[in-house]
Protein backbone atom coordinates (compact mmCIF):
# COMPACT_ATOMS: atom_id res chain seq x y z
CA MET A 1 82.02 112.77 63.85
CA LEU A 2 81.77 115.06 66.85
CA ILE A 3 82.34 112.21 69.25
CA SER A 4 85.14 111.22 67.59
CA ILE A 5 87.55 115.05 68.13
CA MET A 6 86.03 114.68 71.93
CA THR A 7 87.33 111.64 72.44
CA LYS A 8 90.85 112.38 70.80
CA LEU A 9 91.32 115.65 72.90
CA MET A 10 90.14 113.83 75.74
CA HIS A 11 93.33 111.49 75.25
CA CYS A 12 95.47 114.28 74.32
CA ASN A 13 94.43 115.96 77.68
CA GLY A 14 95.19 112.39 79.75
CA ASP A 15 98.47 112.49 77.92
CA THR A 16 99.52 116.11 78.99
CA ARG A 17 98.20 115.32 82.63
CA GLU A 18 100.40 112.28 82.47
CA HIS A 19 102.98 113.86 80.73
CA LEU A 20 103.66 116.59 83.52
CA LEU A 21 103.33 114.38 86.40
CA ALA A 22 106.06 112.09 85.13
CA THR A 23 108.44 114.82 84.80
CA GLY A 24 107.51 116.82 88.00
CA GLU A 25 108.43 113.12 89.41
CA THR A 26 111.81 112.99 87.65
CA LEU A 27 113.06 117.29 88.52
CA SER A 28 111.66 116.41 92.22
CA LEU A 29 113.65 113.64 92.44
CA ARG A 30 117.04 115.67 91.26
CA LEU A 31 115.76 119.00 92.81
CA GLY A 32 113.12 118.48 95.52
CA PHE A 33 110.16 119.35 95.15
CA THR A 34 110.51 122.88 96.15
CA GLY A 35 113.25 123.64 93.96
CA MET A 36 111.53 122.55 91.31
CA GLY A 37 110.24 126.00 90.02
CA LEU A 38 107.31 125.50 87.95
CA SER A 39 109.07 127.54 84.88
CA GLU A 40 111.46 124.52 84.91
CA LEU A 41 108.88 122.45 84.91
CA LEU A 42 106.68 123.95 82.29
CA ALA A 43 110.06 124.32 80.02
CA THR A 44 111.24 120.84 80.63
CA ALA A 45 107.83 119.43 79.78
CA GLY A 46 107.44 121.28 76.94
CA VAL A 47 103.56 122.75 78.53
CA PRO A 48 102.25 126.33 78.41
CA LYS A 49 101.33 127.73 81.80
CA GLY A 50 97.76 128.07 80.90
CA SER A 51 98.22 124.26 80.20
CA PHE A 52 99.21 123.48 83.39
CA TYR A 53 96.51 125.62 85.34
CA HIS A 54 94.26 123.11 83.33
CA TYR A 55 94.92 120.42 85.13
CA PHE A 56 96.14 121.65 88.30
CA ARG A 57 95.04 124.36 90.62
CA SER A 58 98.82 125.17 92.32
CA LYS A 59 101.52 123.99 92.79
CA GLU A 60 100.55 122.03 95.64
CA ALA A 61 97.56 120.48 93.83
CA PHE A 62 100.25 119.24 91.55
CA GLY A 63 102.82 117.24 94.07
CA GLU A 64 99.65 115.95 95.60
CA ALA A 65 98.52 114.24 92.34
CA MET A 66 102.33 113.37 91.55
CA LEU A 67 102.10 111.24 94.69
CA GLN A 68 99.24 109.69 93.87
CA ARG A 69 100.26 108.25 90.94
CA TYR A 70 103.62 106.85 92.36
CA PHE A 71 102.03 105.43 95.19
CA GLU A 72 99.69 103.88 92.17
CA HIS A 73 102.25 102.47 90.59
CA TYR A 74 104.05 101.73 93.13
CA ASP A 75 101.32 99.78 94.16
CA ALA A 76 100.67 97.91 91.23
CA THR A 77 104.51 97.05 91.38
CA MET A 78 104.15 95.60 94.62
CA GLN A 79 101.05 93.52 93.76
CA ALA A 80 102.93 91.92 90.86
CA LEU A 81 105.83 91.01 92.91
CA PHE A 82 103.56 89.51 95.83
CA GLY A 83 101.06 87.75 93.66
CA ASP A 84 103.67 85.27 91.99
CA ALA A 85 102.49 82.07 93.07
CA ASN A 86 105.92 80.34 92.31
CA THR A 87 107.86 81.99 94.81
CA ASP A 88 107.38 81.54 98.88
CA ALA A 89 106.62 84.77 100.63
CA ARG A 90 110.05 85.36 102.78
CA HIS A 91 111.63 84.75 99.40
CA GLN A 92 109.38 87.74 97.96
CA LEU A 93 109.87 89.74 100.85
CA LEU A 94 113.67 89.81 100.66
CA SER A 95 113.56 90.40 96.84
CA TYR A 96 111.68 93.45 97.31
CA TYR A 97 114.37 94.76 99.06
CA ALA A 98 117.11 93.64 97.13
CA GLN A 99 115.42 95.09 94.25
CA ALA A 100 114.90 98.27 95.63
CA ILE A 101 119.15 98.29 96.35
CA SER A 102 119.58 97.64 92.88
CA SER A 103 117.50 100.62 91.91
CA HIS A 104 119.47 102.60 93.98
CA CYS A 105 122.62 101.29 92.41
CA ARG A 106 121.22 102.34 88.96
CA SER A 107 120.62 106.16 90.07
CA GLU A 108 123.84 106.11 91.17
CA CYS A 109 123.72 106.22 94.66
CA HIS A 110 120.77 109.43 94.05
CA ASN A 111 117.32 109.05 95.69
CA ALA A 112 115.62 106.61 93.45
CA CYS A 113 111.96 106.76 95.35
CA LEU A 114 110.14 109.97 95.31
CA ALA A 115 108.45 109.06 99.16
CA VAL A 116 111.42 108.92 100.58
CA LYS A 117 112.55 112.42 98.59
CA LEU A 118 109.75 114.15 99.48
CA SER A 119 108.56 112.65 102.86
CA ALA A 120 110.80 114.93 105.36
CA GLU A 121 110.65 118.08 102.70
CA VAL A 122 106.71 118.93 102.44
CA SER A 123 105.62 117.01 105.20
CA ASP A 124 105.65 120.23 107.19
CA LEU A 125 104.72 122.18 104.15
CA SER A 126 101.50 120.86 102.64
CA GLU A 127 98.71 119.02 104.41
CA PRO A 128 97.36 117.59 101.28
CA MET A 129 101.12 116.43 100.22
CA ARG A 130 101.64 115.10 103.76
CA HIS A 131 97.91 113.25 103.42
CA ALA A 132 98.99 111.39 100.45
CA LEU A 133 102.52 110.44 101.64
CA GLU A 134 100.66 108.62 104.45
CA THR A 135 97.91 107.33 102.21
CA GLY A 136 100.59 105.62 100.34
CA SER A 137 103.45 104.40 102.83
CA ALA A 138 99.87 103.09 104.78
CA ARG A 139 99.26 101.14 101.40
CA VAL A 140 103.05 99.75 101.40
CA ILE A 141 102.66 98.60 104.58
CA GLY A 142 99.83 96.48 104.32
CA HIS A 143 101.18 94.72 101.74
CA LEU A 144 104.23 94.21 103.54
CA GLN A 145 101.82 92.86 106.21
CA ASP A 146 99.84 90.42 104.07
CA ALA A 147 103.13 88.91 102.62
CA ILE A 148 104.13 88.34 106.48
CA GLU A 149 100.74 86.81 107.40
CA ARG A 150 101.00 84.69 104.39
CA GLY A 151 104.12 83.68 104.94
CA ILE A 152 103.48 82.80 108.52
CA GLY A 153 100.64 80.76 107.12
CA GLU A 154 102.67 78.74 104.46
CA GLY A 155 105.54 78.23 106.84
CA SER A 156 108.36 80.11 105.10
CA LEU A 157 108.82 82.87 107.67
CA ALA A 158 108.60 83.26 111.41
CA ILE A 159 108.44 86.67 113.11
CA ALA A 160 108.84 87.47 117.04
CA MET A 161 106.57 90.49 117.01
CA SER A 162 102.90 90.43 115.39
CA PRO A 163 102.61 90.73 111.68
CA ALA A 164 101.24 94.55 111.52
CA ALA A 165 104.57 95.47 113.90
CA THR A 166 106.75 93.84 111.87
CA ALA A 167 105.80 95.34 108.80
CA GLU A 168 105.52 98.80 110.35
CA THR A 169 109.27 97.83 111.30
CA LEU A 170 110.51 96.66 108.06
CA TYR A 171 108.96 100.09 106.51
CA SER A 172 110.40 102.85 109.15
CA LEU A 173 114.14 100.66 108.95
CA TRP A 174 113.95 100.65 104.81
CA LEU A 175 113.27 104.55 105.08
CA GLY A 176 115.90 105.01 107.73
CA ALA A 177 118.37 103.60 105.41
CA SER A 178 117.22 104.95 102.08
CA LEU A 179 117.67 108.77 104.00
CA ARG A 180 121.38 107.57 105.65
CA ALA A 181 122.34 105.79 101.66
CA LYS A 182 121.31 109.39 100.35
CA ILE A 183 123.51 111.06 102.98
CA ARG A 184 126.55 108.71 102.67
CA ARG A 185 125.87 108.42 98.85
CA SER A 186 126.59 105.24 99.34
CA VAL A 187 124.78 101.53 99.12
CA ALA A 188 126.35 100.16 102.32
CA PRO A 189 123.25 101.51 105.07
CA LEU A 190 120.82 99.42 102.60
CA THR A 191 122.93 96.60 102.23
CA GLY A 192 123.18 97.02 106.23
CA ALA A 193 119.18 97.23 106.45
CA LEU A 194 118.82 94.20 104.01
CA GLU A 195 120.97 91.84 106.55
CA SER A 196 118.65 93.26 109.55
CA ILE A 197 115.85 92.29 107.99
CA GLU A 198 116.68 88.62 107.18
CA LEU A 199 117.03 88.57 111.08
CA LEU A 200 113.22 89.58 111.35
CA LEU A 201 111.84 87.49 108.84
CA ARG A 202 113.85 84.13 110.30
CA PRO A 203 112.51 81.01 108.08
CA ALA A 204 110.76 79.25 109.82
CA GLN A 205 111.86 75.95 111.52
CA PRO A 206 110.70 72.81 110.22
């Protein structure tokens, strides 16, 4: 009986923590991290302040956990996309960016990516959050590099630079285009970036 109660409490605790993080991500995408007040977060989530501090020692610690959660989910999405054995690596890479454009459009040309939204905002304000962004973005770049190397090996694409340099360039290009798209409230910078990516990831000559 006691074990059953403890298991139920642990489940509820996990649900509350996850609910807080998911709510924080939604609010941060709309308001930014500094613009998201703790009172607004708690009111939106329907969670008392005491429960918040049970899980997170500060708003900064909450932000760090929120970014870690975001990149964990993003990592799983990239693994699923690039793990598809039915399509070649070049097609997967271009599909990855095409899907990002679709996600941007579904957000009505607002920022749909937490990493893009918070990168410039929090990197100078919080070292733990900056580190979470650095670690998460390095994992994304690593997935891109793995896909590029696989594409070269299978003969679906050719590149002018090294796989590592190409992956870094793709990430930086898309990050800049995402910021431009946010400023312009237009998808045009992203479609232009995708055209450049298609040139960087040339089809391999038969």
